[in-house]
N, C-alpha and C. Protein backbone atom coordinates (compact mmCIF):
# COMPACT_ATOMS: atom_id res chain seq x y z
N MET A 1 56.43 70.75 118.59
CA MET A 1 56.65 69.51 117.78
C MET A 1 57.64 68.43 118.40
N ALA A 2 57.35 67.11 118.16
CA ALA A 2 58.18 66.22 118.76
C ALA A 2 58.94 65.33 117.56
N ASP A 3 60.12 65.14 117.78
CA ASP A 3 61.12 64.42 116.77
C ASP A 3 61.44 63.41 117.50
N TYR A 4 61.37 62.17 116.73
CA TYR A 4 61.72 60.83 117.12
C TYR A 4 62.52 60.15 115.94
N VAL A 5 63.52 59.46 116.26
CA VAL A 5 64.29 58.62 115.41
C VAL A 5 63.96 57.16 115.40
N ILE A 6 63.33 56.52 114.32
CA ILE A 6 62.75 55.38 114.46
C ILE A 6 64.00 54.37 113.47
N HIS A 7 64.44 53.44 114.06
CA HIS A 7 65.52 52.67 113.26
C HIS A 7 65.09 51.20 112.86
N LEU A 8 65.15 51.03 111.64
CA LEU A 8 65.11 49.56 111.18
C LEU A 8 66.37 49.26 110.73
N ASP A 9 66.99 48.46 111.60
CA ASP A 9 68.70 48.23 111.46
C ASP A 9 69.04 46.83 111.14
N GLY A 10 69.78 46.54 110.08
CA GLY A 10 70.36 45.39 109.87
C GLY A 10 69.48 44.31 109.21
N LEU A 11 68.51 44.85 108.43
CA LEU A 11 67.44 44.20 107.57
C LEU A 11 68.34 43.36 106.48
N GLU A 12 68.36 41.91 106.56
CA GLU A 12 69.13 41.23 105.50
C GLU A 12 68.25 40.55 104.36
N VAL A 13 68.56 40.92 103.25
CA VAL A 13 67.65 40.46 102.13
C VAL A 13 68.80 39.89 101.15
N THR A 14 68.30 38.92 100.27
CA THR A 14 68.99 38.41 99.20
C THR A 14 68.33 38.82 98.11
N MET A 15 69.20 39.60 97.19
CA MET A 15 68.73 40.21 96.06
C MET A 15 69.60 40.51 95.04
N GLY A 16 69.31 41.04 93.68
CA GLY A 16 70.11 41.19 92.79
C GLY A 16 70.49 42.59 92.75
N LEU A 17 71.90 42.89 93.11
CA LEU A 17 72.72 44.24 93.03
C LEU A 17 73.95 44.07 92.61
N GLY A 18 74.25 44.82 91.63
CA GLY A 18 75.57 44.94 91.18
C GLY A 18 75.88 45.11 89.72
N ILE A 19 77.01 45.43 89.26
CA ILE A 19 77.07 45.71 87.77
C ILE A 19 78.09 44.57 87.33
N HIS A 20 78.92 43.85 88.38
CA HIS A 20 79.95 42.77 87.85
C HIS A 20 79.15 41.55 87.46
N PRO A 21 79.96 40.82 86.58
CA PRO A 21 79.16 39.41 85.99
C PRO A 21 78.61 38.62 87.06
N ARG A 22 79.75 38.54 88.33
CA ARG A 22 79.45 37.43 89.29
C ARG A 22 78.42 38.01 90.29
N GLU A 23 78.01 39.28 90.39
CA GLU A 23 76.73 39.99 90.82
C GLU A 23 75.68 39.87 90.19
N ARG A 24 75.66 39.61 88.83
CA ARG A 24 74.50 39.46 88.11
C ARG A 24 74.02 38.00 87.94
N SER A 25 74.95 37.06 88.05
CA SER A 25 74.66 35.55 87.99
C SER A 25 73.96 35.07 88.95
N ALA A 26 74.10 35.74 90.27
CA ALA A 26 73.10 35.16 91.19
C ALA A 26 72.78 36.27 92.37
N PRO A 27 71.82 36.06 93.30
CA PRO A 27 71.44 37.13 94.15
C PRO A 27 72.45 37.07 95.20
N GLN A 28 72.62 38.16 95.93
CA GLN A 28 73.56 38.19 97.03
C GLN A 28 72.89 38.84 98.30
N ARG A 29 73.70 38.67 99.39
CA ARG A 29 73.30 39.12 100.64
C ARG A 29 73.47 40.56 100.73
N VAL A 30 72.54 41.31 101.15
CA VAL A 30 72.61 42.73 101.48
C VAL A 30 71.84 43.04 102.65
N VAL A 31 72.70 44.11 103.30
CA VAL A 31 72.19 44.64 104.57
C VAL A 31 71.84 46.03 104.43
N LEU A 32 70.68 46.11 104.96
CA LEU A 32 69.74 47.51 104.93
C LEU A 32 69.54 48.09 106.16
N SER A 33 70.04 49.47 106.54
CA SER A 33 69.56 50.04 107.90
C SER A 33 68.86 51.42 107.29
N VAL A 34 67.96 51.62 108.03
CA VAL A 34 67.26 52.79 107.90
C VAL A 34 67.01 53.67 109.04
N ALA A 35 67.23 54.89 109.26
CA ALA A 35 67.02 55.61 110.35
C ALA A 35 65.96 56.93 109.93
N MET A 36 64.86 57.04 110.50
CA MET A 36 63.82 57.97 109.92
C MET A 36 63.48 58.96 111.06
N THR A 37 63.96 60.25 110.87
CA THR A 37 63.42 61.14 111.75
C THR A 37 62.15 61.56 111.66
N CYS A 38 61.22 61.39 112.63
CA CYS A 38 59.87 61.47 112.37
C CYS A 38 59.39 62.59 113.11
N ARG A 39 58.34 63.42 112.54
CA ARG A 39 57.97 64.63 113.20
C ARG A 39 56.74 64.63 113.58
N TYR A 40 56.10 64.76 114.72
CA TYR A 40 54.97 64.83 115.17
C TYR A 40 54.44 65.98 115.89
N ASP A 41 53.32 66.59 115.63
CA ASP A 41 52.76 67.72 116.25
C ASP A 41 53.20 67.81 117.74
N ALA A 42 52.85 66.82 118.25
CA ALA A 42 52.81 66.62 119.78
C ALA A 42 53.47 65.13 120.15
N PRO A 43 53.97 64.94 121.37
CA PRO A 43 54.27 63.67 121.54
C PRO A 43 53.32 62.71 121.32
N PRO A 44 53.28 61.31 120.65
CA PRO A 44 52.30 60.51 120.39
C PRO A 44 51.51 60.00 121.42
N SER A 45 50.43 59.28 121.47
CA SER A 45 49.64 58.56 122.30
C SER A 45 50.22 57.31 122.11
N ASP A 46 49.77 56.39 123.05
CA ASP A 46 50.31 55.14 123.04
C ASP A 46 49.74 54.20 121.94
N GLY A 47 49.72 54.38 120.69
CA GLY A 47 49.00 53.64 119.78
C GLY A 47 49.64 53.72 118.45
N ILE A 48 49.63 52.88 117.61
CA ILE A 48 50.28 52.70 116.45
C ILE A 48 50.02 53.73 115.43
N GLU A 49 48.43 54.05 115.50
CA GLU A 49 47.97 55.00 114.58
C GLU A 49 48.52 56.53 114.79
N ALA A 50 49.24 56.74 115.87
CA ALA A 50 49.94 58.07 116.16
C ALA A 50 51.05 58.09 115.65
N VAL A 51 51.76 57.17 115.16
CA VAL A 51 53.23 57.11 114.71
C VAL A 51 53.54 56.49 113.47
N VAL A 52 54.83 56.58 112.75
CA VAL A 52 54.98 55.92 111.66
C VAL A 52 55.31 54.30 111.87
N ASP A 53 54.60 53.71 110.97
CA ASP A 53 54.66 52.09 111.48
C ASP A 53 55.73 51.57 110.41
N TYR A 54 56.87 51.19 111.37
CA TYR A 54 57.77 50.47 110.53
C TYR A 54 57.69 49.26 109.94
N ASP A 55 56.42 48.59 110.26
CA ASP A 55 56.13 47.40 109.67
C ASP A 55 55.98 47.64 107.99
N PHE A 56 55.17 48.78 107.95
CA PHE A 56 55.07 49.36 106.42
C PHE A 56 56.29 49.37 105.65
N LEU A 57 57.42 50.12 106.36
CA LEU A 57 58.57 50.17 105.55
C LEU A 57 59.24 48.90 105.25
N ARG A 58 59.33 47.98 106.22
CA ARG A 58 59.98 46.56 106.12
C ARG A 58 59.36 46.10 105.21
N ASP A 59 58.02 45.82 104.98
CA ASP A 59 57.28 45.04 103.97
C ASP A 59 57.56 45.76 102.51
N GLU A 60 57.65 46.98 102.59
CA GLU A 60 57.83 47.57 101.15
C GLU A 60 59.26 47.47 100.71
N ILE A 61 60.19 47.43 101.68
CA ILE A 61 61.46 47.10 101.22
C ILE A 61 61.71 45.81 100.78
N LEU A 62 61.00 44.82 101.44
CA LEU A 62 61.26 43.38 101.04
C LEU A 62 60.52 43.23 99.43
N LYS A 63 59.43 44.06 99.22
CA LYS A 63 58.75 43.86 98.02
C LYS A 63 59.73 44.52 97.07
N LEU A 64 60.51 45.74 97.29
CA LEU A 64 61.31 46.26 96.34
C LEU A 64 62.37 45.62 96.00
N THR A 65 63.00 44.96 97.03
CA THR A 65 64.29 44.20 96.85
C THR A 65 64.02 43.01 95.80
N ALA A 66 62.73 42.38 95.96
CA ALA A 66 62.48 41.29 95.28
C ALA A 66 61.96 41.37 93.90
N SER A 67 61.78 42.69 93.57
CA SER A 67 61.15 43.09 92.43
C SER A 67 62.07 43.32 91.14
N ARG A 68 63.30 43.50 91.39
CA ARG A 68 64.20 43.68 90.30
C ARG A 68 65.58 43.75 90.65
N HIS A 69 66.42 43.79 89.87
CA HIS A 69 67.86 43.83 89.66
C HIS A 69 68.25 45.26 90.08
N PHE A 70 69.12 45.51 90.91
CA PHE A 70 69.51 47.11 90.99
C PHE A 70 70.92 47.08 90.67
N GLU A 71 71.38 47.85 89.70
CA GLU A 71 72.74 47.95 89.30
C GLU A 71 73.78 48.60 90.42
N LEU A 72 73.17 49.51 91.23
CA LEU A 72 73.93 50.57 92.08
C LEU A 72 73.32 50.53 93.51
N GLN A 73 74.19 50.39 94.27
CA GLN A 73 73.54 50.68 95.66
C GLN A 73 73.10 51.90 95.90
N GLU A 74 73.62 53.04 95.31
CA GLU A 74 73.13 54.30 95.34
C GLU A 74 71.51 54.54 94.90
N THR A 75 71.28 53.71 93.71
CA THR A 75 69.93 53.59 93.29
C THR A 75 69.02 52.90 94.46
N LEU A 76 69.33 51.78 95.14
CA LEU A 76 68.86 51.14 95.84
C LEU A 76 68.40 52.13 97.09
N CYS A 77 69.60 52.67 97.58
CA CYS A 77 69.36 53.58 98.76
C CYS A 77 68.30 54.64 98.50
N ASP A 78 68.49 55.17 97.18
CA ASP A 78 67.53 56.30 96.95
C ASP A 78 66.00 55.74 96.83
N ALA A 79 65.72 54.49 96.40
CA ALA A 79 64.43 53.83 96.45
C ALA A 79 63.82 53.77 97.72
N VAL A 80 64.89 53.18 98.68
CA VAL A 80 64.33 52.96 100.08
C VAL A 80 63.88 54.32 100.84
N ALA A 81 64.83 55.29 100.55
CA ALA A 81 64.56 56.69 100.97
C ALA A 81 63.09 57.06 100.50
N ALA A 82 62.99 57.03 99.14
CA ALA A 82 61.68 57.48 98.79
C ALA A 82 60.43 56.71 99.19
N LEU A 83 60.72 55.58 99.79
CA LEU A 83 59.57 54.60 100.51
C LEU A 83 59.33 55.43 101.86
N ALA A 84 60.33 55.60 102.39
CA ALA A 84 60.21 56.27 103.97
C ALA A 84 59.52 57.45 103.81
N LEU A 85 60.10 58.43 102.99
CA LEU A 85 59.55 59.62 102.67
C LEU A 85 58.03 59.81 102.42
N SER A 86 57.64 58.68 101.76
CA SER A 86 56.08 58.58 101.47
C SER A 86 55.10 58.77 102.54
N ASP A 87 55.71 58.77 103.74
CA ASP A 87 54.96 59.07 104.96
C ASP A 87 55.34 60.56 105.17
N PRO A 88 54.32 61.44 105.33
CA PRO A 88 54.57 62.90 105.44
C PRO A 88 55.11 63.31 106.83
N ARG A 89 54.96 62.37 107.68
CA ARG A 89 55.67 62.47 109.17
C ARG A 89 57.30 62.56 109.23
N VAL A 90 57.62 61.69 107.96
CA VAL A 90 59.21 61.56 107.94
C VAL A 90 59.85 62.76 107.57
N ALA A 91 60.64 63.45 108.31
CA ALA A 91 61.43 64.66 107.85
C ALA A 91 62.64 64.37 107.28
N GLU A 92 63.24 63.24 107.68
CA GLU A 92 64.56 62.90 107.17
C GLU A 92 64.86 61.55 107.23
N VAL A 93 65.45 61.05 106.23
CA VAL A 93 65.80 59.64 106.25
C VAL A 93 67.30 59.29 105.87
N ARG A 94 67.85 58.23 106.74
CA ARG A 94 69.16 57.95 106.33
C ARG A 94 69.13 56.60 106.12
N VAL A 95 69.65 56.01 104.80
CA VAL A 95 69.75 54.62 104.38
C VAL A 95 70.97 54.23 104.07
N ARG A 96 71.37 53.12 104.61
CA ARG A 96 72.73 52.24 104.39
C ARG A 96 72.47 51.19 103.96
N SER A 97 73.25 50.73 102.78
CA SER A 97 73.37 49.35 102.37
C SER A 97 74.69 49.05 102.37
N MET A 98 74.68 47.66 102.69
CA MET A 98 76.03 46.91 102.74
C MET A 98 76.23 45.69 102.13
N LYS A 99 77.19 45.32 101.18
CA LYS A 99 77.27 44.18 100.64
C LYS A 99 78.46 43.42 101.31
N PRO A 100 78.18 42.52 102.47
CA PRO A 100 79.21 41.93 103.09
C PRO A 100 79.94 40.79 102.57
N ASP A 101 79.48 40.27 101.43
CA ASP A 101 80.33 38.99 100.86
C ASP A 101 81.23 39.39 99.55
N ILE A 102 81.38 40.53 99.32
CA ILE A 102 82.12 40.99 97.98
C ILE A 102 83.58 40.67 98.29
N TYR A 103 84.21 40.99 99.21
CA TYR A 103 85.61 40.82 99.65
C TYR A 103 85.55 40.08 101.07
N PRO A 104 86.75 39.34 101.24
CA PRO A 104 86.98 38.66 102.26
C PRO A 104 87.42 39.33 103.61
N ASP A 105 87.59 40.61 103.31
CA ASP A 105 88.44 41.29 104.40
C ASP A 105 87.53 42.73 104.61
N ALA A 106 86.47 43.09 103.76
CA ALA A 106 85.82 44.36 103.87
C ALA A 106 84.18 44.25 103.33
N ARG A 107 83.45 44.94 103.82
CA ARG A 107 82.22 45.25 103.40
C ARG A 107 82.08 46.29 102.59
N ILE A 108 81.19 46.32 101.62
CA ILE A 108 81.12 47.56 100.64
C ILE A 108 79.76 47.92 100.72
N GLY A 109 79.71 49.49 100.92
CA GLY A 109 78.25 50.01 101.21
C GLY A 109 78.35 51.35 100.72
N CYS A 110 76.72 51.74 100.69
CA CYS A 110 76.55 53.40 100.38
C CYS A 110 75.62 53.76 101.59
N GLU A 111 75.57 55.18 101.69
CA GLU A 111 74.58 55.65 102.48
C GLU A 111 74.10 56.91 101.88
N VAL A 112 72.72 57.18 102.10
CA VAL A 112 72.37 58.57 101.53
C VAL A 112 71.51 58.99 102.77
N VAL A 113 71.35 60.36 102.68
CA VAL A 113 70.61 61.09 103.51
C VAL A 113 69.51 62.03 102.75
N ARG A 114 68.33 61.84 102.79
CA ARG A 114 67.52 62.56 102.26
C ARG A 114 66.75 63.35 103.15
N ALA A 115 66.28 64.45 102.86
CA ALA A 115 65.15 65.23 103.70
C ALA A 115 64.05 65.74 103.03
N ARG A 116 62.92 66.02 103.56
CA ARG A 116 61.72 66.42 102.93
C ARG A 116 61.91 67.89 102.75
N LYS A 117 61.72 68.50 101.68
CA LYS A 117 61.66 70.02 101.42
C LYS A 117 60.93 70.82 102.41
N GLY A 118 61.63 71.66 103.06
CA GLY A 118 60.90 72.47 104.17
C GLY A 118 60.94 71.98 105.38
N ALA A 119 61.71 70.66 105.46
CA ALA A 119 61.81 70.01 106.78
C ALA A 119 62.69 70.71 108.07
């Protein structure tokens, strides 16, 4: 087996996220980072068909964040993790969301780790 960690780091989206009235009144900036541990039967050949395509993950995250308002960062992170785990070669995924504009002196975030059963 060959394991690789693929990172999609610092994807900035503008989306509906939060429970407070000020968060519901307008979309806000959210920064997402994803680390996928990908497990291949052997080291991959030098072609995209041999590996997990991070273009797919980025495109699906953009669709997801544009599709609805999320109340909680936990729910958002779980939804992104499910997208990553839809590829059977992803053994584990770590998703972090950060809301950088809530406070002037801190960013607010959430991180989840999800693993494929039996991985």
